Amino acid sequence: MAKILIADDSATQVALIQAAVAEAGHIAVVATNGDDALRMAVSEKPALILLDVVMPNADGFQVCRKLRKLPETATTPIILVTSKNQQTDKSWGIRQGANDYVMKPFETKVLAELISKHVR
């Protein structure tokens, strides 16, 4: 059982993502803004980070870039889970260092399978 960091400012989305984390057999910790996501990524040392793009303080693209520059999180897998559904958004997210990109709304089972792919 691994620890997964969920960074999303929507309580509804957090609940849906937590269901996928549980289905994949892991536990979740939650950050509700970009600053907390950065802080918790270092302090909690999650096996995977599920990162929303549209959040207060720092958006997910900024957070992803910063996480890739920190030695503690440089290799931690990051999946962007977002409503930004343009191909340019996906390309930009991958260029910022994300390992994968999931568009909302998502199927819990699909996200759970993706979590399992990145957390072994």
Protein backbone atom coordinates (compact mmCIF):
# COMPACT_ATOMS: atom_id res chain seq x y z
CA MET A 1 0.00 0.00 0.00
CA ALA A 2 1.53 3.27 -1.14
CA LYS A 3 0.82 6.87 -0.20
CA ILE A 4 -0.64 8.98 -3.04
CA LEU A 5 -0.79 12.78 -2.92
CA ILE A 6 -3.97 14.27 -4.39
CA ALA A 7 -3.72 18.00 -5.16
CA ASP A 8 -7.12 19.43 -6.10
CA ASP A 9 -9.18 22.32 -4.76
CA SER A 10 -12.57 20.72 -5.44
CA ALA A 11 -13.94 18.55 -2.62
CA THR A 12 -16.08 16.65 -5.13
CA GLN A 13 -13.10 15.86 -7.34
CA VAL A 14 -10.99 14.89 -4.33
CA ALA A 15 -13.66 12.36 -3.30
CA LEU A 16 -13.76 10.87 -6.81
CA ILE A 17 -9.97 10.66 -7.00
CA GLN A 18 -9.80 9.14 -3.50
CA ALA A 19 -12.17 6.40 -4.72
CA ALA A 20 -9.74 5.59 -7.55
CA VAL A 21 -6.79 5.59 -5.13
CA ALA A 22 -8.67 3.20 -2.81
CA GLU A 23 -9.66 0.98 -5.74
CA ALA A 24 -5.97 0.73 -6.66
CA GLY A 25 -5.25 -0.35 -3.06
CA HIS A 26 -3.48 2.77 -1.80
CA ILE A 27 -4.02 5.57 0.71
CA ALA A 28 -4.41 9.25 -0.11
CA VAL A 29 -3.22 12.50 1.42
CA VAL A 30 -4.77 15.72 0.15
CA ALA A 31 -3.55 19.22 -0.69
CA THR A 32 -6.07 21.85 -1.79
CA ASN A 33 -3.73 24.38 -3.40
CA GLY A 34 -0.43 24.55 -5.23
CA ASP A 35 1.66 25.73 -2.27
CA ASP A 36 0.39 22.92 -0.03
CA ALA A 37 0.97 20.40 -2.84
CA LEU A 38 4.64 21.41 -3.06
CA ARG A 39 5.10 21.32 0.71
CA MET A 40 3.34 17.97 1.11
CA ALA A 41 5.17 16.39 -1.82
CA VAL A 42 8.42 16.96 0.06
CA SER A 43 7.19 16.17 3.58
CA GLU A 44 4.93 13.18 2.81
CA LYS A 45 7.20 11.56 0.17
CA PRO A 46 4.29 10.08 -1.85
CA ALA A 47 4.80 7.29 -4.37
CA LEU A 48 2.67 9.23 -6.88
CA ILE A 49 1.21 12.73 -7.22
CA LEU A 50 -2.22 13.31 -8.80
CA LEU A 51 -2.20 16.97 -9.68
CA ASP A 52 -5.02 19.26 -10.82
CA VAL A 53 -4.02 22.11 -13.13
CA VAL A 54 -6.47 24.83 -12.04
CA MET A 55 -5.72 25.50 -8.35
CA PRO A 56 -5.17 28.51 -6.07
CA ASN A 57 -1.69 29.91 -5.33
CA ALA A 58 0.17 27.99 -8.05
CA ASP A 59 -1.35 26.11 -10.96
CA GLY A 60 -0.56 22.45 -11.63
CA PHE A 61 1.82 23.26 -14.48
CA GLN A 62 3.87 25.51 -12.17
CA VAL A 63 3.79 22.92 -9.38
CA CYS A 64 4.88 20.17 -11.76
CA ARG A 65 7.85 22.24 -12.97
CA LYS A 66 8.91 23.01 -9.39
CA LEU A 67 8.56 19.37 -8.32
CA ARG A 68 10.85 18.27 -11.15
CA LYS A 69 13.54 20.70 -9.94
CA LEU A 70 13.52 19.45 -6.33
CA PRO A 71 15.82 16.51 -5.59
CA GLU A 72 13.18 14.97 -3.28
CA THR A 73 10.53 14.84 -6.01
CA ALA A 74 12.47 14.89 -9.28
CA THR A 75 11.59 11.26 -10.06
CA THR A 76 8.21 10.96 -8.33
CA PRO A 77 5.57 10.06 -10.94
CA ILE A 78 3.06 12.85 -11.60
CA ILE A 79 -0.32 12.44 -13.28
CA LEU A 80 -2.13 15.64 -14.20
CA VAL A 81 -5.87 15.14 -13.57
CA THR A 82 -7.64 18.13 -15.06
CA SER A 83 -10.59 19.59 -16.92
CA LYS A 84 -8.19 21.29 -19.35
CA ASN A 85 -8.96 19.12 -22.35
CA GLN A 86 -7.09 20.68 -25.26
CA GLN A 87 -4.24 18.78 -26.91
CA THR A 88 -2.02 21.83 -26.32
CA ASP A 89 -2.73 21.56 -22.56
CA LYS A 90 -1.76 17.90 -22.57
CA SER A 91 1.42 18.56 -24.54
CA TRP A 92 2.33 21.44 -22.24
CA GLY A 93 1.71 19.29 -19.15
CA ILE A 94 4.00 16.54 -20.42
CA ARG A 95 6.65 19.14 -21.28
CA GLN A 96 6.45 20.42 -17.68
CA GLY A 97 7.42 16.95 -16.44
CA ALA A 98 4.15 15.07 -15.98
CA ASN A 99 4.26 11.34 -16.63
CA ASP A 100 0.60 11.13 -17.66
CA TYR A 101 -2.47 13.27 -18.27
CA VAL A 102 -6.08 12.38 -17.41
CA MET A 103 -9.02 14.54 -18.38
CA LYS A 104 -12.02 15.13 -16.11
CA PRO A 105 -14.52 13.62 -16.01
CA PHE A 106 -12.74 10.29 -15.75
CA GLU A 107 -13.85 6.76 -14.97
CA THR A 108 -12.68 5.63 -11.53
CA LYS A 109 -11.54 2.27 -12.90
CA VAL A 110 -9.43 3.91 -15.63
CA LEU A 111 -7.71 6.22 -13.13
CA ALA A 112 -7.16 3.29 -10.74
CA GLU A 113 -5.46 1.33 -13.54
CA LEU A 114 -3.26 4.30 -14.35
CA ILE A 115 -2.32 4.65 -10.68
CA SER A 116 -1.36 0.97 -10.62
CA LYS A 117 0.75 1.48 -13.74
CA HIS A 118 2.84 4.15 -11.98
CA VAL A 119 2.96 2.64 -8.48
CA ARG A 120 4.49 -0.78 -8.35
